[in-house]
Amino acid sequence: MELDERFADRVADLCYKKYQSLPKKGKPQKNKEWTLLSCVCLTRNAEEIRVVSLGTGTKCIGKSKLSADGDMVNDSHAEVIARRAFLRYLYSELKEAYSRRKSEIFTSADSTHNKCRLKPGVQFHLFSSHTPCGDASIFPKDAIPGEEELDWDSFSWQYGRKRKSDTESDLKPKCLKVEECLTSSDYKSPNSDLLNLQEGLHSNCPKQSEHCVSDLVLSPKETSTEKVTKSDSDNIKTDGEGTESSKYSESSDHFTNAACLICNKHSKDDEHLQVTKCTKENVPFTETKGQQPQSDIFRTGAKPVAGGGEDPLGEGAGYHSVGLFRIKPGRGERTLSMSCSDKMARWNVLGCQGACLCHFLQAPVYFSSIIIGRCPFSQEAMTRAVITRSSGVKDLPDGFHITHPAILQSNKTFVDGKASVEKNSTGRVVPSSASIIWFNSMETPEVINEGKPQGLTKKDYLKNPEKARSKICSREIFHCFMDLVKFVQIENFPHLKSSNVTHNSSYFDWKMTSKDYQQSWQILGAHYGSWSQKPRDLLKFTCDVKSK
């Protein structure tokens, strides 16, 4: 099956038809609300294409609402919902494979490691009705054909309001001075209990005593320097409206490679992420007689991770820096969720199956293509955000590698997308607060709001906590995992014989026992240099249901 524009249109059509076939519950109010749609599709031969998971949504809960019980869906952006629903589909298929019934996608477990693998010809494809938030959404508006009938400017911030006109403060490029270099001792690895960080990450950084991100400023003007200490930069907080405030959550773990991001230099032993600058050389400018060259870019509401670089917030093309890792905006309160562009980049190296499923799989599960619906889109920006930022990662464990999925765009428009709704509405339209969840073995779609099933009261939560949880929250997915572990039995996994995990071990313990996955994430995280980690205490819940 050729992965081309025709294939992209077929996938988009199937995804939109699947969405239309679902009940009305959870869908946006007609001409008043909009949402985003994502799906994972399966292909097995030259003709068969089928949707196996679906998600809608644009919201993210703030850090104060995160639960240590694993009973909340923290990130309800459509791409994340579809991927979490896809995990439920994978678990159901693995249960079929280990039950010696016929799975449509997995072979039976091998005799050596008791693990399954995808059948030959099986591929998965990620579809999204819109360009993912974060780095992939930053590209010149000039790249969009002027004859398009839709109001493409409505996409300038796909998860919020249009940005107001530039103010005088916006026109001044900002320069961040970090008074001490972030060395390997400052780096906090997401898996520091498992692996020691390679020393000397920044040993060859030429600006060890003082770093300035003036290289990231997109305007040629120089301004006074704004001094921020390393501890101050960790405390910078950006709310949902784009303003900065302090007192960032101390419980949030971060690992940063700010020194090398800022000075754009390579260590001899490590290839670090380079921050690309939207300068006159790579952003098309329009010359007008008697005026300065002007250009503009599409913008994202996601804010850079503290310590990993900053946006200059200048005029036009000088508003953003590209290549940075970003945190999704919240509604007045900052979130701890990375942007969809960043998560997709991670899936492109570690696989979309996560750590726990690696206990049952011979190799990671990767997307063969990423398809975007009709909207502002840049092949270059998508490639940069999802693939290029991982370039240079090496020495990964067997099975893990940087993949190069086909990045395609469909010409099909989502009927409940922002531009479509605005076109048919005379009033203000707002993003829907609800998210729809569906996966292949699910009889009735689920609707969640603010991380919980819609329509339940506090009394419902107290009376029956299990029914008050979404089917894709971390706790429910962990239940699927433990149910499969109990079915297959720990002693039948050779790689677990030397581990200390038991049926009573926590979600965090089981994730950390996936050694190859964690080692891969360690290497990738060091390469990325900046990533927001949720506190480990949020992952230490245990399974509270009996094996069926």
Protein backbone atom coordinates (compact mmCIF):
# COMPACT_ATOMS: atom_id res chain seq x y z
CA MET A 1 0.00 0.00 0.00
CA GLU A 2 1.56 3.26 -1.13
CA LEU A 3 1.63 5.98 1.53
CA ASP A 4 0.67 8.98 -0.56
CA GLU A 5 -1.97 11.74 -0.72
CA ARG A 6 -4.60 9.29 -1.92
CA PHE A 7 -3.90 7.09 1.12
CA ALA A 8 -4.09 10.17 3.37
CA ASP A 9 -7.52 11.06 2.00
CA ARG A 10 -8.77 7.49 2.50
CA VAL A 11 -7.61 7.51 6.11
CA ALA A 12 -9.17 10.93 6.76
CA ASP A 13 -12.48 9.82 5.25
CA LEU A 14 -12.56 6.69 7.42
CA CYS A 15 -11.75 8.66 10.57
CA TYR A 16 -14.40 11.29 9.88
CA LYS A 17 -17.00 8.61 9.09
CA LYS A 18 -16.18 6.78 12.31
CA TYR A 19 -16.58 10.02 14.24
CA GLN A 20 -19.92 10.73 12.55
CA SER A 21 -21.16 7.23 13.44
CA LEU A 22 -20.69 7.83 17.17
CA PRO A 23 -23.54 9.05 19.40
CA LYS A 24 -24.09 12.78 19.87
CA LYS A 25 -22.93 12.75 23.50
CA GLY A 26 -19.59 14.53 23.89
CA LYS A 27 -19.65 16.21 20.49
CA PRO A 28 -19.45 20.03 20.25
CA GLN A 29 -22.62 22.14 20.33
CA LYS A 30 -23.53 22.99 16.76
CA ASN A 31 -22.12 26.34 15.58
CA LYS A 32 -20.96 27.16 19.13
CA GLU A 33 -18.13 24.76 19.97
CA TRP A 34 -15.29 23.03 18.15
CA THR A 35 -12.92 20.17 18.86
CA LEU A 36 -10.03 18.21 17.38
CA LEU A 37 -10.08 14.58 16.25
CA SER A 38 -7.35 11.94 16.23
CA CYS A 39 -7.46 8.25 15.34
CA VAL A 40 -5.13 5.28 15.05
CA CYS A 41 -5.75 3.20 11.94
CA LEU A 42 -4.69 -0.36 11.13
CA THR A 43 -3.60 -1.62 7.71
CA ARG A 44 -2.92 -5.31 7.03
CA ASN A 45 -2.87 -5.59 3.27
CA ALA A 46 -3.17 -3.52 0.11
CA GLU A 47 -6.83 -2.68 0.65
CA GLU A 48 -7.79 -3.01 4.34
CA ILE A 49 -7.78 0.20 6.41
CA ARG A 50 -9.64 0.27 9.71
CA VAL A 51 -9.95 2.67 12.64
CA VAL A 52 -8.99 0.93 15.90
CA SER A 53 -9.00 3.88 18.31
CA LEU A 54 -10.40 7.41 18.38
CA GLY A 55 -10.16 10.47 20.57
CA THR A 56 -11.33 14.06 20.58
CA GLY A 57 -10.38 16.95 22.81
CA THR A 58 -8.38 20.15 23.35
CA LYS A 59 -8.02 20.36 27.14
CA CYS A 60 -5.40 19.61 29.79
CA ILE A 61 -5.83 19.66 33.58
CA GLY A 62 -3.68 21.90 35.75
CA LYS A 63 -0.99 20.59 38.06
CA SER A 64 -3.09 21.10 41.21
CA LYS A 65 -5.65 18.58 39.91
CA LEU A 66 -3.17 15.76 39.28
CA SER A 67 -4.06 12.65 41.24
CA ALA A 68 -1.71 10.24 43.03
CA ASP A 69 -4.33 7.50 42.53
CA GLY A 70 -3.89 7.42 38.75
CA ASP A 71 -7.63 7.97 38.31
CA MET A 72 -7.48 11.15 36.19
CA VAL A 73 -6.76 11.62 32.50
CA ASN A 74 -4.26 14.46 32.72
CA ASP A 75 -3.96 15.27 29.03
CA SER A 76 -7.11 15.28 26.92
CA HIS A 77 -5.70 16.53 23.63
CA ALA A 78 -7.06 14.38 20.83
CA GLU A 79 -3.72 12.79 19.85
CA VAL A 80 -3.07 11.68 23.43
CA ILE A 81 -6.60 10.34 23.89
CA ALA A 82 -6.36 8.31 20.67
CA ARG A 83 -2.98 6.89 21.67
CA ARG A 84 -4.19 5.90 25.18
CA ALA A 85 -7.27 4.27 23.65
CA PHE A 86 -4.89 2.46 21.29
CA LEU A 87 -3.13 0.97 24.35
CA ARG A 88 -6.45 -0.61 25.39
CA TYR A 89 -6.74 -2.10 21.91
CA LEU A 90 -3.21 -3.55 22.14
CA TYR A 91 -3.95 -5.12 25.53
CA SER A 92 -7.10 -6.77 24.20
CA GLU A 93 -5.16 -8.20 21.23
CA LEU A 94 -2.35 -9.47 23.46
CA LYS A 95 -4.92 -11.26 25.61
CA GLU A 96 -6.12 -13.01 22.47
CA ALA A 97 -2.56 -13.97 21.50
CA TYR A 98 -1.67 -15.38 24.94
CA SER A 99 -5.01 -17.21 25.14
CA ARG A 100 -3.98 -19.10 21.99
CA ARG A 101 -6.90 -17.55 20.21
CA LYS A 102 -6.20 -15.76 16.96
CA SER A 103 -5.12 -12.14 17.34
CA GLU A 104 -5.54 -10.04 14.22
CA ILE A 105 -2.24 -8.25 14.77
CA PHE A 106 0.04 -10.34 17.06
CA THR A 107 1.78 -13.66 16.59
CA SER A 108 1.78 -16.23 19.39
CA ALA A 109 4.47 -15.72 22.05
CA ASP A 110 7.92 -17.05 21.18
CA SER A 111 9.43 -19.93 23.16
CA THR A 112 12.59 -18.05 24.18
CA HIS A 113 11.27 -14.87 25.81
CA ASN A 114 7.53 -15.59 25.86
CA LYS A 115 6.89 -12.36 23.98
CA CYS A 116 4.72 -11.52 20.98
CA ARG A 117 5.45 -9.49 17.88
CA LEU A 118 3.39 -7.82 15.16
CA LYS A 119 2.41 -10.04 12.26
CA PRO A 120 4.07 -9.32 8.91
CA GLY A 121 2.31 -6.55 7.03
CA VAL A 122 0.61 -5.03 10.08
CA GLN A 123 1.05 -1.26 10.24
CA PHE A 124 -0.47 1.53 12.30
CA HIS A 125 -1.08 5.11 11.24
CA LEU A 126 -1.79 8.17 13.38
CA PHE A 127 -4.33 10.63 12.01
CA SER A 128 -5.05 14.08 13.43
CA SER A 129 -7.47 16.64 12.08
CA HIS A 130 -5.00 19.39 12.93
CA THR A 131 -1.26 19.97 13.17
CA PRO A 132 -0.15 18.93 16.69
CA CYS A 133 0.42 21.69 19.25
CA GLY A 134 3.99 22.70 20.03
CA ASP A 135 6.95 22.87 17.67
CA ALA A 136 5.15 21.41 14.63
CA SER A 137 2.72 24.35 14.69
CA ILE A 138 5.42 27.01 14.29
CA PHE A 139 6.02 27.88 10.63
CA PRO A 140 5.62 30.86 8.26
CA LYS A 141 2.11 31.91 7.32
CA ASP A 142 3.50 32.61 3.85
CA ALA A 143 3.64 28.84 3.35
CA ILE A 144 -0.16 28.67 3.18
CA PRO A 145 -1.66 29.31 -0.30
CA GLY A 146 -3.51 32.63 -0.39
CA GLU A 147 -6.44 31.32 -2.41
CA GLU A 148 -7.68 29.01 0.38
CA GLU A 149 -11.29 29.85 1.23
CA LEU A 150 -11.03 28.98 4.93
CA ASP A 151 -9.88 31.49 7.53
CA TRP A 152 -6.49 29.95 8.21
CA ASP A 153 -5.66 32.74 10.68
CA SER A 154 -8.13 31.12 13.09
CA PHE A 155 -5.53 28.40 13.56
CA SER A 156 -2.84 30.77 14.87
CA TRP A 157 -3.35 29.31 18.33
CA GLN A 158 -5.34 26.13 17.92
CA TYR A 159 -6.00 25.65 21.62
CA GLY A 160 -6.95 29.20 22.56
CA ARG A 161 -7.83 32.68 21.39
CA LYS A 162 -6.15 34.56 18.59
CA ARG A 163 -3.16 36.54 19.74
CA LYS A 164 -3.75 40.26 20.02
CA SER A 165 -1.68 42.69 18.01
CA ASP A 166 1.91 43.14 19.03
CA THR A 167 2.45 45.55 21.91
CA GLU A 168 5.53 47.63 22.50
CA SER A 169 6.81 45.07 24.99
CA ASP A 170 6.39 42.31 22.43
CA LEU A 171 8.67 44.12 20.02
CA LYS A 172 11.61 44.03 22.42
CA PRO A 173 13.60 40.80 22.13
CA LYS A 174 14.40 39.25 25.49
CA CYS A 175 17.75 37.92 26.53
CA LEU A 176 18.08 35.42 29.35
CA LYS A 177 21.33 35.28 31.28
CA VAL A 178 21.98 32.11 33.21
CA GLU A 179 24.69 32.74 35.77
CA GLU A 180 25.91 29.20 36.06
CA CYS A 181 26.20 26.42 33.53
CA LEU A 182 23.90 23.45 33.96
CA THR A 183 26.23 20.49 34.24
CA SER A 184 25.52 16.80 34.52
CA SER A 185 25.04 17.19 38.28
CA ASP A 186 22.15 19.56 37.64
CA TYR A 187 20.47 17.12 35.29
CA LYS A 188 17.64 15.21 36.86
CA SER A 189 17.01 12.08 34.86
CA PRO A 190 13.52 10.61 34.70
CA ASN A 191 15.10 7.26 35.48
CA SER A 192 18.01 8.16 37.74
CA ASP A 193 17.29 5.18 39.97
CA LEU A 194 17.93 2.86 37.06
CA LEU A 195 20.85 4.40 35.23
CA ASN A 196 23.57 6.93 35.98
CA LEU A 197 23.74 9.94 33.73
CA GLN A 198 26.71 10.07 31.41
CA GLU A 199 29.20 12.54 32.87
CA GLY A 200 30.62 15.52 31.07
CA LEU A 201 27.50 16.42 29.10
CA HIS A 202 28.56 20.02 28.90
CA SER A 203 32.30 19.70 29.43
CA ASN A 204 33.03 21.31 26.09
CA CYS A 205 30.48 24.08 26.34
CA PRO A 206 32.39 27.32 25.56
CA LYS A 207 30.19 29.54 27.72
CA GLN A 208 30.40 27.75 31.04
CA SER A 209 30.41 30.84 33.21
CA GLU A 210 27.74 32.87 31.49
CA HIS A 211 25.12 31.94 28.91
CA CYS A 212 23.02 34.25 26.85
CA VAL A 213 20.15 33.24 24.58
CA SER A 214 20.58 36.25 22.33
CA ASP A 215 21.25 33.66 19.61
CA LEU A 216 17.60 32.72 19.93
CA VAL A 217 16.30 36.26 19.48
CA LEU A 218 14.74 36.58 16.08
CA SER A 219 15.03 40.36 15.86
CA PRO A 220 18.39 41.89 14.85
CA LYS A 221 18.06 44.54 17.56
CA GLU A 222 19.94 44.20 20.82
CA THR A 223 18.37 45.19 24.11
CA SER A 224 19.30 45.28 27.74
CA THR A 225 19.86 41.95 29.41
CA GLU A 226 17.37 40.46 31.82
CA LYS A 227 19.25 38.59 34.51
CA VAL A 228 17.73 35.41 35.81
CA THR A 229 19.46 32.95 38.04
CA LYS A 230 19.24 29.22 37.39
CA SER A 231 16.81 28.82 40.30
CA ASP A 232 14.71 31.71 38.98
CA SER A 233 14.50 30.19 35.52
CA ASP A 234 13.20 26.98 37.04
CA ASN A 235 10.42 28.97 38.71
CA ILE A 236 9.15 30.78 35.65
CA LYS A 237 5.52 29.95 35.13
CA THR A 238 3.25 30.77 32.23
CA ASP A 239 -0.50 30.69 32.64
CA GLY A 240 -3.11 29.86 30.03
CA GLU A 241 -3.32 33.44 28.82
CA GLY A 242 0.38 33.70 28.00
CA THR A 243 1.50 35.85 30.95
CA GLU A 244 4.39 34.96 33.18
CA SER A 245 4.25 34.45 36.93
CA SER A 246 6.47 32.80 39.50
CA LYS A 247 6.36 29.96 42.00
CA TYR A 248 6.42 27.08 39.63
CA SER A 249 5.54 23.80 41.34
CA GLU A 250 8.50 22.54 43.31
CA SER A 251 7.22 19.00 43.06
CA SER A 252 7.71 18.92 39.30
CA ASP A 253 10.83 17.12 38.11
CA HIS A 254 12.73 18.56 35.15
CA PHE A 255 15.82 17.52 33.36
CA THR A 256 17.43 20.16 31.22
CA ASN A 257 20.28 20.63 28.83
CA ALA A 258 19.86 24.39 28.87
CA ALA A 259 23.55 25.18 28.62
CA CYS A 260 23.98 23.52 25.26
CA LEU A 261 20.55 24.63 24.05
CA ILE A 262 21.45 28.21 24.81
CA CYS A 263 24.92 28.32 23.31
CA ASN A 264 24.04 25.98 20.43
CA LYS A 265 27.34 24.08 20.86
CA HIS A 266 28.07 20.37 20.72
CA SER A 267 29.91 18.32 23.30
CA LYS A 268 32.51 16.00 21.79
CA ASP A 269 30.77 13.00 23.26
CA ASP A 270 27.14 14.03 22.80
CA GLU A 271 25.15 15.42 19.94
CA HIS A 272 22.76 17.91 21.50
CA LEU A 273 19.60 19.41 20.13
CA GLN A 274 20.13 22.55 18.09
CA VAL A 275 17.66 25.40 18.36
CA THR A 276 16.82 26.65 14.89
CA LYS A 277 16.25 30.36 14.46
CA CYS A 278 13.45 31.84 12.35
CA THR A 279 15.73 34.39 10.68
CA LYS A 280 15.50 36.14 7.37
CA GLU A 281 17.35 33.22 5.82
CA ASN A 282 14.65 30.62 6.54
CA VAL A 283 11.45 32.65 6.85
CA PRO A 284 10.15 34.35 3.71
CA PHE A 285 9.91 38.12 4.20
CA THR A 286 7.79 40.47 2.12
CA GLU A 287 9.57 43.67 1.11
CA THR A 288 7.37 46.78 0.87
CA LYS A 289 8.68 50.12 -0.37
CA GLY A 290 9.41 52.43 2.52
CA GLN A 291 8.80 49.72 5.14
CA GLN A 292 10.84 47.18 7.03
CA PRO A 293 10.55 43.54 5.85
CA GLN A 294 7.53 41.92 7.48
CA SER A 295 6.55 38.31 7.98
CA ASP A 296 4.58 36.27 10.47
CA ILE A 297 4.35 32.70 11.68
CA PHE A 298 1.66 30.46 13.05
CA ARG A 299 1.93 30.32 16.82
CA THR A 300 1.38 27.74 19.51
CA GLY A 301 0.03 28.19 23.02
CA ALA A 302 2.56 25.73 24.41
CA LYS A 303 5.32 27.38 26.48
CA PRO A 304 9.00 26.34 26.55
CA VAL A 305 10.11 24.05 29.38
CA ALA A 306 11.90 26.08 32.06
CA GLY A 307 15.63 26.14 31.43
CA GLY A 308 15.38 24.82 27.88
CA GLY A 309 15.38 28.11 25.99
CA GLU A 310 12.76 30.80 25.56
CA ASP A 311 10.56 32.55 23.03
CA PRO A 312 11.71 36.10 22.29
CA LEU A 313 8.04 37.20 21.87
CA GLY A 314 9.08 39.67 19.22
CA GLU A 315 7.17 41.01 16.25
CA GLY A 316 5.94 38.70 13.52
CA ALA A 317 8.40 35.92 12.80
CA GLY A 318 10.32 36.94 15.92
CA TYR A 319 7.65 35.67 18.28
CA HIS A 320 8.82 32.04 18.66
CA SER A 321 12.01 30.02 18.70
CA VAL A 322 11.72 26.66 16.97
CA GLY A 323 13.09 23.32 18.13
CA LEU A 324 12.21 23.91 21.80
CA PHE A 325 10.36 21.42 23.97
CA ARG A 326 7.15 22.86 25.34
CA ILE A 327 4.46 22.45 28.01
CA LYS A 328 0.78 22.66 27.12
CA PRO A 329 -1.11 25.72 28.32
CA GLY A 330 -3.77 25.39 30.98
CA ARG A 331 -6.88 27.42 31.69
CA GLY A 332 -5.36 29.88 34.15
CA GLU A 333 -3.14 27.22 35.73
CA ARG A 334 -0.02 25.72 34.22
CA THR A 335 -0.03 22.03 33.29
CA LEU A 336 2.82 19.53 33.49
CA SER A 337 1.98 17.90 30.14
CA MET A 338 4.39 18.12 27.23
CA SER A 339 3.10 19.31 23.86
CA CYS A 340 1.75 16.81 21.35
CA SER A 341 4.71 17.55 19.04
CA ASP A 342 7.08 16.50 21.82
CA LYS A 343 5.15 13.36 22.73
CA MET A 344 5.02 12.30 19.10
CA ALA A 345 8.79 12.82 18.80
CA ARG A 346 9.25 10.53 21.80
CA TRP A 347 6.88 7.88 20.37
CA ASN A 348 8.91 8.01 17.18
CA VAL A 349 11.94 6.62 19.06
CA LEU A 350 10.54 4.70 22.04
CA GLY A 351 7.39 3.43 20.36
CA CYS A 352 3.78 4.33 21.14
CA GLN A 353 3.24 1.28 23.41
CA GLY A 354 4.88 2.74 26.53
CA ALA A 355 7.04 0.99 29.12
CA CYS A 356 4.70 -1.66 30.53
CA LEU A 357 3.68 -3.23 27.23
CA CYS A 358 7.37 -3.85 26.45
CA HIS A 359 7.18 -6.75 28.94
CA PHE A 360 5.03 -8.60 26.37
CA LEU A 361 6.50 -7.38 23.08
CA GLN A 362 9.64 -8.37 21.19
CA ALA A 363 9.94 -4.86 19.71
CA PRO A 364 8.31 -1.43 20.06
CA VAL A 365 5.22 -0.51 18.07
CA TYR A 366 5.80 2.45 15.76
CA PHE A 367 3.51 4.51 13.54
CA SER A 368 4.24 4.00 9.85
CA SER A 369 2.67 7.32 8.91
CA ILE A 370 1.37 10.51 10.50
CA ILE A 371 -1.50 12.08 8.61
CA ILE A 372 -2.81 15.60 9.18
CA GLY A 373 -6.21 16.86 8.01
CA ARG A 374 -6.79 19.99 5.96
CA CYS A 375 -5.44 22.89 8.03
CA PRO A 376 -2.32 25.06 8.20
CA PHE A 377 0.47 22.55 7.68
CA SER A 378 4.20 22.52 7.02
CA GLN A 379 6.01 19.37 5.96
CA GLU A 380 9.27 20.94 7.12
CA ALA A 381 7.93 21.87 10.58
CA MET A 382 6.35 18.45 11.12
CA THR A 383 9.55 16.69 10.08
CA ARG A 384 11.62 18.93 12.34
CA ALA A 385 9.34 18.46 15.36
CA VAL A 386 8.70 14.73 15.09
CA ILE A 387 11.84 13.32 13.45
CA THR A 388 14.77 15.72 13.15
CA ARG A 389 14.91 16.70 16.83
CA SER A 390 15.84 13.08 17.60
CA SER A 391 18.61 12.95 15.00
CA GLY A 392 21.94 11.88 16.41
CA VAL A 393 20.53 9.55 19.07
CA LYS A 394 22.57 6.35 19.02
CA ASP A 395 23.49 3.25 21.04
CA LEU A 396 19.85 2.41 21.74
CA PRO A 397 18.99 -1.12 22.94
CA ASP A 398 17.99 -3.71 20.36
CA GLY A 399 14.64 -2.98 18.73
CA PHE A 400 14.63 0.75 19.50
CA HIS A 401 15.52 3.21 16.76
CA ILE A 402 14.60 6.52 15.18
CA THR A 403 11.80 5.85 12.73
CA HIS A 404 10.93 7.92 9.69
CA PRO A 405 7.15 7.71 9.29
CA ALA A 406 5.60 9.13 6.15
CA ILE A 407 4.26 12.59 7.00
CA LEU A 408 1.22 13.29 4.86
CA GLN A 409 -1.60 15.79 4.61
CA SER A 410 -5.14 15.06 3.56
CA ASN A 411 -7.32 17.53 1.69
CA LYS A 412 -10.31 16.56 3.85
CA THR A 413 -11.60 19.07 6.42
CA PHE A 414 -13.00 18.09 9.83
CA VAL A 415 -16.61 19.24 10.13
CA ASP A 416 -16.31 20.03 13.85
CA GLY A 417 -12.91 21.70 13.57
CA LYS A 418 -12.44 25.35 14.52
CA ALA A 419 -12.30 26.80 11.00
CA SER A 420 -15.37 24.85 9.85
CA VAL A 421 -17.44 25.90 12.87
CA GLU A 422 -16.36 29.56 12.62
CA LYS A 423 -17.32 29.59 8.96
CA ASN A 424 -20.91 28.61 9.81
CA SER A 425 -21.28 30.63 13.00
CA THR A 426 -22.22 34.27 13.48
CA GLY A 427 -21.06 34.39 17.11
CA ARG A 428 -18.03 33.47 19.15
CA VAL A 429 -17.06 29.82 19.14
CA VAL A 430 -15.19 28.08 21.95
CA PRO A 431 -13.39 24.74 22.31
CA SER A 432 -15.52 21.92 23.68
CA SER A 433 -14.64 20.88 27.22
CA ALA A 434 -15.54 17.23 26.54
CA SER A 435 -13.44 14.43 25.09
CA ILE A 436 -14.74 11.30 23.36
CA ILE A 437 -12.91 7.99 23.80
CA TRP A 438 -13.40 4.90 21.67
CA PHE A 439 -11.37 1.78 20.90
CA ASN A 440 -12.07 -1.36 18.89
CA SER A 441 -13.38 -3.65 21.66
CA MET A 442 -15.48 -0.87 23.21
CA GLU A 443 -19.23 -1.17 22.82
CA THR A 444 -20.18 2.37 23.84
CA PRO A 445 -17.88 5.39 23.57
CA GLU A 446 -16.88 7.12 26.78
CA VAL A 447 -17.05 10.88 27.36
CA ILE A 448 -14.79 12.59 29.87
CA ASN A 449 -14.60 16.14 31.17
CA GLU A 450 -11.70 17.47 33.24
CA GLY A 451 -10.14 14.02 33.37
CA LYS A 452 -13.21 12.17 34.71
CA PRO A 453 -16.26 10.49 33.12
CA GLN A 454 -18.86 13.11 32.30
CA GLY A 455 -22.05 13.35 34.33
CA LEU A 456 -20.87 11.79 37.59
CA THR A 457 -21.26 13.49 40.95
CA LYS A 458 -18.93 13.46 43.97
CA LYS A 459 -21.33 10.99 45.56
CA ASP A 460 -20.82 8.66 42.58
CA TYR A 461 -17.06 8.89 43.04
CA LEU A 462 -17.29 7.90 46.70
CA LYS A 463 -19.88 5.16 46.18
CA ASN A 464 -18.14 3.37 43.31
CA PRO A 465 -14.61 4.65 42.60
CA GLU A 466 -13.99 2.08 39.84
CA LYS A 467 -16.91 3.29 37.76
CA ALA A 468 -15.87 6.88 38.34
CA ARG A 469 -12.62 6.34 36.42
CA SER A 470 -12.06 6.69 32.70
CA LYS A 471 -11.14 3.51 30.85
CA ILE A 472 -7.93 5.15 29.67
CA CYS A 473 -6.69 6.65 32.94
CA SER A 474 -3.35 5.28 34.16
CA ARG A 475 -4.96 3.14 36.84
CA GLU A 476 -7.33 1.38 34.45
CA ILE A 477 -4.56 0.78 31.91
CA PHE A 478 -2.41 -0.61 34.75
CA HIS A 479 -5.29 -2.95 35.62
CA CYS A 480 -5.23 -4.23 32.02
CA PHE A 481 -1.50 -4.80 32.39
CA MET A 482 -1.76 -6.64 35.72
CA ASP A 483 -4.65 -8.73 34.44
CA LEU A 484 -2.41 -9.90 31.58
CA VAL A 485 0.54 -10.46 33.94
CA LYS A 486 -1.57 -12.67 36.18
CA PHE A 487 -2.89 -14.54 33.16
CA VAL A 488 0.55 -15.25 31.72
CA GLN A 489 2.24 -15.51 35.18
CA ILE A 490 5.44 -13.72 36.15
CA GLU A 491 7.49 -16.90 36.39
CA ASN A 492 6.92 -17.47 32.66
CA PHE A 493 8.86 -14.33 31.74
CA PRO A 494 12.62 -15.04 31.73
CA HIS A 495 13.51 -11.34 31.86
CA LEU A 496 11.63 -10.93 35.16
CA LYS A 497 13.28 -13.77 37.08
CA SER A 498 15.95 -11.53 38.54
CA SER A 499 13.58 -8.63 39.27
CA ASN A 500 11.83 -7.86 42.52
CA VAL A 501 8.41 -7.03 41.08
CA THR A 502 5.34 -8.88 42.34
CA HIS A 503 1.59 -8.68 41.88
CA ASN A 504 1.61 -6.06 44.64
CA SER A 505 4.25 -3.84 43.02
CA SER A 506 3.30 -0.31 41.98
CA TYR A 507 2.76 1.07 38.51
CA PHE A 508 6.05 2.95 38.85
CA ASP A 509 7.94 -0.23 39.81
CA TRP A 510 6.64 -2.12 36.78
CA LYS A 511 7.52 0.76 34.46
CA MET A 512 11.08 0.91 35.82
CA THR A 513 11.49 -2.87 35.41
CA SER A 514 11.16 -2.41 31.64
CA LYS A 515 14.94 -2.02 31.40
CA ASP A 516 15.41 -1.60 27.63
CA TYR A 517 12.65 1.00 27.45
CA GLN A 518 14.06 2.95 30.39
CA GLN A 519 17.58 2.84 29.01
CA SER A 520 16.29 4.13 25.67
CA TRP A 521 14.44 6.95 27.41
CA GLN A 522 17.56 7.78 29.40
CA ILE A 523 19.57 8.19 26.19
CA LEU A 524 16.81 10.09 24.38
CA GLY A 525 16.16 12.35 27.36
CA ALA A 526 19.83 13.32 27.54
CA HIS A 527 19.69 14.18 23.84
CA TYR A 528 16.51 16.26 24.16
CA GLY A 529 17.89 18.13 27.16
CA SER A 530 14.59 19.51 28.48
CA TRP A 531 11.46 17.65 29.47
CA SER A 532 8.82 18.17 32.15
CA GLN A 533 8.51 15.14 34.42
CA LYS A 534 5.54 14.60 36.68
CA PRO A 535 6.37 13.81 40.34
CA ARG A 536 7.04 10.10 40.90
CA ASP A 537 4.52 10.00 43.72
CA LEU A 538 1.81 10.23 41.06
CA LEU A 539 2.92 6.84 39.69
CA LYS A 540 3.17 4.79 42.87
CA PHE A 541 -0.39 3.46 42.98
CA THR A 542 -1.06 -0.29 42.92
CA CYS A 543 -3.62 -2.56 41.30
CA ASP A 544 -6.82 -2.89 43.31
CA VAL A 545 -8.83 -5.33 41.19
CA LYS A 546 -8.68 -9.09 41.11
CA SER A 547 -7.73 -11.03 38.02
CA LYS A 548 -10.76 -11.96 35.95
